[in-house]
N, C-alpha and C. Protein backbone atom coordinates (compact mmCIF):
# COMPACT_ATOMS: atom_id res chain seq x y z
N MET A 1 42.90 37.12 -93.71
CA MET A 1 43.64 37.82 -92.68
C MET A 1 43.10 37.45 -91.29
N LYS A 2 41.79 37.33 -91.21
CA LYS A 2 41.18 36.98 -89.93
C LYS A 2 41.62 35.59 -89.50
N ASN A 3 41.68 34.64 -90.43
CA ASN A 3 42.12 33.28 -90.10
C ASN A 3 43.57 33.26 -89.66
N THR A 4 44.40 34.06 -90.27
CA THR A 4 45.81 34.14 -89.90
C THR A 4 45.96 34.70 -88.49
N LEU A 5 45.17 35.71 -88.17
CA LEU A 5 45.21 36.31 -86.85
C LEU A 5 44.76 35.31 -85.77
N ILE A 6 43.67 34.61 -86.03
CA ILE A 6 43.16 33.63 -85.07
C ILE A 6 44.17 32.49 -84.91
N GLY A 7 44.72 32.03 -86.02
CA GLY A 7 45.72 30.96 -85.96
C GLY A 7 46.95 31.39 -85.18
N GLY A 8 47.38 32.62 -85.37
CA GLY A 8 48.53 33.14 -84.63
C GLY A 8 48.26 33.25 -83.14
N LEU A 9 47.05 33.68 -82.79
CA LEU A 9 46.69 33.78 -81.37
C LEU A 9 46.63 32.39 -80.71
N VAL A 10 46.07 31.43 -81.41
CA VAL A 10 45.99 30.07 -80.87
C VAL A 10 47.39 29.50 -80.70
N LEU A 11 48.23 29.69 -81.70
CA LEU A 11 49.60 29.18 -81.64
C LEU A 11 50.38 29.84 -80.50
N SER A 12 50.23 31.14 -80.34
CA SER A 12 50.95 31.82 -79.26
C SER A 12 50.43 31.38 -77.88
N ALA A 13 49.14 31.12 -77.78
CA ALA A 13 48.59 30.64 -76.51
C ALA A 13 49.14 29.25 -76.18
N LEU A 14 49.22 28.39 -77.18
CA LEU A 14 49.77 27.05 -76.95
C LEU A 14 51.24 27.11 -76.56
N LEU A 15 51.99 27.96 -77.22
CA LEU A 15 53.42 28.07 -76.91
C LEU A 15 53.64 28.69 -75.53
N ALA A 16 52.76 29.56 -75.11
CA ALA A 16 52.91 30.20 -73.81
C ALA A 16 52.60 29.24 -72.67
N THR A 17 51.70 28.28 -72.89
CA THR A 17 51.33 27.35 -71.83
C THR A 17 52.16 26.07 -71.84
N ALA A 18 52.96 25.84 -72.84
CA ALA A 18 53.75 24.60 -72.92
C ALA A 18 54.70 24.43 -71.74
N PRO A 19 55.41 25.45 -71.29
CA PRO A 19 56.30 25.24 -70.13
C PRO A 19 55.55 24.86 -68.86
N ALA A 20 54.32 25.30 -68.72
CA ALA A 20 53.55 24.96 -67.52
C ALA A 20 53.28 23.46 -67.47
N PHE A 21 53.07 22.84 -68.60
CA PHE A 21 52.82 21.41 -68.63
C PHE A 21 54.11 20.61 -68.49
N ALA A 22 55.22 21.20 -68.82
CA ALA A 22 56.50 20.49 -68.77
C ALA A 22 57.06 20.44 -67.35
N GLN A 23 56.60 21.31 -66.48
CA GLN A 23 57.14 21.34 -65.13
C GLN A 23 56.58 20.19 -64.31
N SER A 24 57.44 19.59 -63.52
CA SER A 24 57.04 18.48 -62.66
C SER A 24 56.50 19.03 -61.35
N THR A 25 55.38 18.50 -60.90
CA THR A 25 54.82 18.94 -59.63
C THR A 25 55.27 18.04 -58.49
N PHE A 26 55.79 16.86 -58.82
CA PHE A 26 56.23 15.92 -57.78
C PHE A 26 57.69 16.18 -57.45
N GLU A 27 57.96 16.44 -56.21
CA GLU A 27 59.33 16.58 -55.75
C GLU A 27 59.54 15.60 -54.62
N GLY A 28 60.31 14.56 -54.87
CA GLY A 28 60.57 13.56 -53.85
C GLY A 28 61.55 14.08 -52.82
N LYS A 29 61.81 13.26 -51.83
CA LYS A 29 62.75 13.64 -50.79
C LYS A 29 64.17 13.54 -51.32
N SER A 30 65.00 14.41 -50.83
CA SER A 30 66.41 14.34 -51.22
C SER A 30 67.10 13.25 -50.41
N ARG A 31 68.26 12.86 -50.86
CA ARG A 31 69.03 11.83 -50.16
C ARG A 31 69.33 12.28 -48.73
N ALA A 32 69.63 13.55 -48.55
CA ALA A 32 69.94 14.07 -47.21
C ALA A 32 68.72 13.99 -46.29
N GLU A 33 67.53 14.27 -46.83
CA GLU A 33 66.32 14.18 -46.01
C GLU A 33 66.04 12.75 -45.58
N VAL A 34 66.24 11.80 -46.49
CA VAL A 34 66.02 10.39 -46.15
C VAL A 34 67.02 9.94 -45.10
N LYS A 35 68.28 10.34 -45.26
CA LYS A 35 69.30 9.96 -44.28
C LYS A 35 68.99 10.56 -42.91
N ALA A 36 68.50 11.79 -42.88
CA ALA A 36 68.15 12.43 -41.61
C ALA A 36 66.98 11.71 -40.94
N GLU A 37 65.98 11.31 -41.72
CA GLU A 37 64.85 10.56 -41.15
C GLU A 37 65.29 9.20 -40.63
N LEU A 38 66.19 8.56 -41.35
CA LEU A 38 66.70 7.26 -40.93
C LEU A 38 67.48 7.39 -39.63
N ALA A 39 68.33 8.40 -39.53
CA ALA A 39 69.10 8.63 -38.31
C ALA A 39 68.17 8.95 -37.13
N SER A 40 67.13 9.72 -37.39
CA SER A 40 66.18 10.05 -36.34
C SER A 40 65.44 8.81 -35.85
N ALA A 41 65.05 7.94 -36.76
CA ALA A 41 64.35 6.71 -36.38
C ALA A 41 65.27 5.78 -35.59
N ARG A 42 66.54 5.75 -35.97
CA ARG A 42 67.50 4.92 -35.23
C ARG A 42 67.70 5.46 -33.82
N ARG A 43 67.80 6.79 -33.67
CA ARG A 43 67.96 7.39 -32.35
C ARG A 43 66.74 7.12 -31.47
N ALA A 44 65.57 7.14 -32.07
CA ALA A 44 64.34 6.90 -31.32
C ALA A 44 64.14 5.43 -30.99
N GLY A 45 64.93 4.57 -31.63
CA GLY A 45 64.82 3.14 -31.37
C GLY A 45 63.76 2.44 -32.18
N ASP A 46 63.21 3.12 -33.17
CA ASP A 46 62.14 2.52 -33.97
C ASP A 46 62.65 1.44 -34.92
N LEU A 47 63.90 1.51 -35.33
CA LEU A 47 64.41 0.54 -36.29
C LEU A 47 65.13 -0.62 -35.64
N ASP A 48 65.43 -0.53 -34.36
CA ASP A 48 66.17 -1.61 -33.70
C ASP A 48 65.37 -2.90 -33.67
N ALA A 49 64.05 -2.80 -33.55
CA ALA A 49 63.23 -3.99 -33.37
C ALA A 49 62.66 -4.53 -34.67
N ILE A 50 62.83 -3.82 -35.76
CA ILE A 50 62.18 -4.24 -36.99
C ILE A 50 63.20 -4.86 -37.94
N ASN A 51 63.30 -6.15 -37.90
CA ASN A 51 64.02 -6.92 -38.90
C ASN A 51 63.58 -8.37 -38.79
N SER A 52 63.95 -9.19 -39.74
CA SER A 52 63.41 -10.55 -39.80
C SER A 52 63.96 -11.45 -38.70
N LEU A 53 65.04 -11.07 -38.05
CA LEU A 53 65.66 -11.93 -37.03
C LEU A 53 65.25 -11.56 -35.62
N SER A 54 64.45 -10.54 -35.44
CA SER A 54 64.17 -10.05 -34.09
C SER A 54 62.69 -10.06 -33.74
N TYR A 55 61.96 -11.06 -34.16
CA TYR A 55 60.52 -11.09 -33.88
C TYR A 55 60.21 -10.97 -32.39
N PRO A 56 60.90 -11.71 -31.51
CA PRO A 56 60.58 -11.58 -30.08
C PRO A 56 60.85 -10.18 -29.54
N GLN A 57 61.68 -9.41 -30.19
CA GLN A 57 62.02 -8.08 -29.69
C GLN A 57 61.01 -7.02 -30.14
N LEU A 58 59.98 -7.41 -30.82
CA LEU A 58 58.99 -6.44 -31.27
C LEU A 58 58.12 -5.91 -30.13
N ARG A 59 58.04 -6.62 -29.05
CA ARG A 59 57.18 -6.24 -27.92
C ARG A 59 57.49 -4.82 -27.41
N PRO A 60 58.76 -4.45 -27.17
CA PRO A 60 59.02 -3.07 -26.71
C PRO A 60 58.56 -2.02 -27.72
N TYR A 61 58.77 -2.31 -28.99
CA TYR A 61 58.34 -1.37 -30.02
C TYR A 61 56.82 -1.22 -30.00
N GLN A 62 56.12 -2.35 -29.89
CA GLN A 62 54.66 -2.31 -29.88
C GLN A 62 54.14 -1.57 -28.65
N GLU A 63 54.78 -1.78 -27.50
CA GLU A 63 54.36 -1.08 -26.29
C GLU A 63 54.59 0.43 -26.42
N ARG A 64 55.75 0.81 -26.94
CA ARG A 64 56.05 2.23 -27.12
C ARG A 64 55.06 2.86 -28.10
N HIS A 65 54.75 2.14 -29.17
CA HIS A 65 53.80 2.64 -30.16
C HIS A 65 52.41 2.80 -29.53
N ALA A 66 52.00 1.84 -28.72
CA ALA A 66 50.70 1.92 -28.05
C ALA A 66 50.65 3.09 -27.08
N GLN A 67 51.75 3.33 -26.36
CA GLN A 67 51.79 4.46 -25.43
C GLN A 67 51.71 5.79 -26.18
N MET A 68 52.43 5.88 -27.29
CA MET A 68 52.39 7.12 -28.08
C MET A 68 50.99 7.34 -28.65
N HIS A 69 50.36 6.26 -29.12
CA HIS A 69 49.02 6.38 -29.68
C HIS A 69 48.02 6.79 -28.59
N ALA A 70 48.16 6.20 -27.40
CA ALA A 70 47.27 6.55 -26.29
C ALA A 70 47.47 8.01 -25.89
N ALA A 71 48.71 8.48 -25.88
CA ALA A 71 48.98 9.88 -25.54
C ALA A 71 48.38 10.81 -26.58
N ASP A 72 48.47 10.42 -27.85
CA ASP A 72 47.87 11.23 -28.91
C ASP A 72 46.35 11.31 -28.74
N MET A 73 45.75 10.20 -28.39
CA MET A 73 44.30 10.18 -28.21
C MET A 73 43.88 11.03 -27.01
N ARG A 74 44.68 11.00 -25.93
CA ARG A 74 44.39 11.83 -24.76
C ARG A 74 44.50 13.31 -25.09
N ASP A 75 45.46 13.65 -25.95
CA ASP A 75 45.70 15.05 -26.29
C ASP A 75 44.74 15.57 -27.35
N GLY A 76 43.77 14.77 -27.72
CA GLY A 76 42.78 15.25 -28.68
C GLY A 76 43.05 14.81 -30.10
N GLY A 77 43.99 13.90 -30.30
CA GLY A 77 44.26 13.39 -31.64
C GLY A 77 43.14 12.48 -32.09
N SER A 78 43.15 12.16 -33.35
CA SER A 78 42.11 11.27 -33.87
C SER A 78 42.71 9.93 -34.24
N ALA A 79 41.92 8.90 -34.17
CA ALA A 79 42.38 7.56 -34.54
C ALA A 79 42.47 7.47 -36.05
N ARG A 80 43.33 6.60 -36.52
CA ARG A 80 43.48 6.44 -37.97
C ARG A 80 42.36 5.66 -38.55
């Protein structure tokens, strides 16, 4: 009887924790979130200069990035 009781308790504990292991903790971005980020980057001009045909046009992007990084450092941000 004691073995049956212990076996039943172990089995019930395993069955109770099974759904916790089945749940996914990773939730990727939705399609709408990705589209919103893409639209935001286009509005900011970050994507205009990045493609294989526009190497000479990277200079404005690099300057803007350097200015933003310098402003972050002035405001107390940390370097990567």
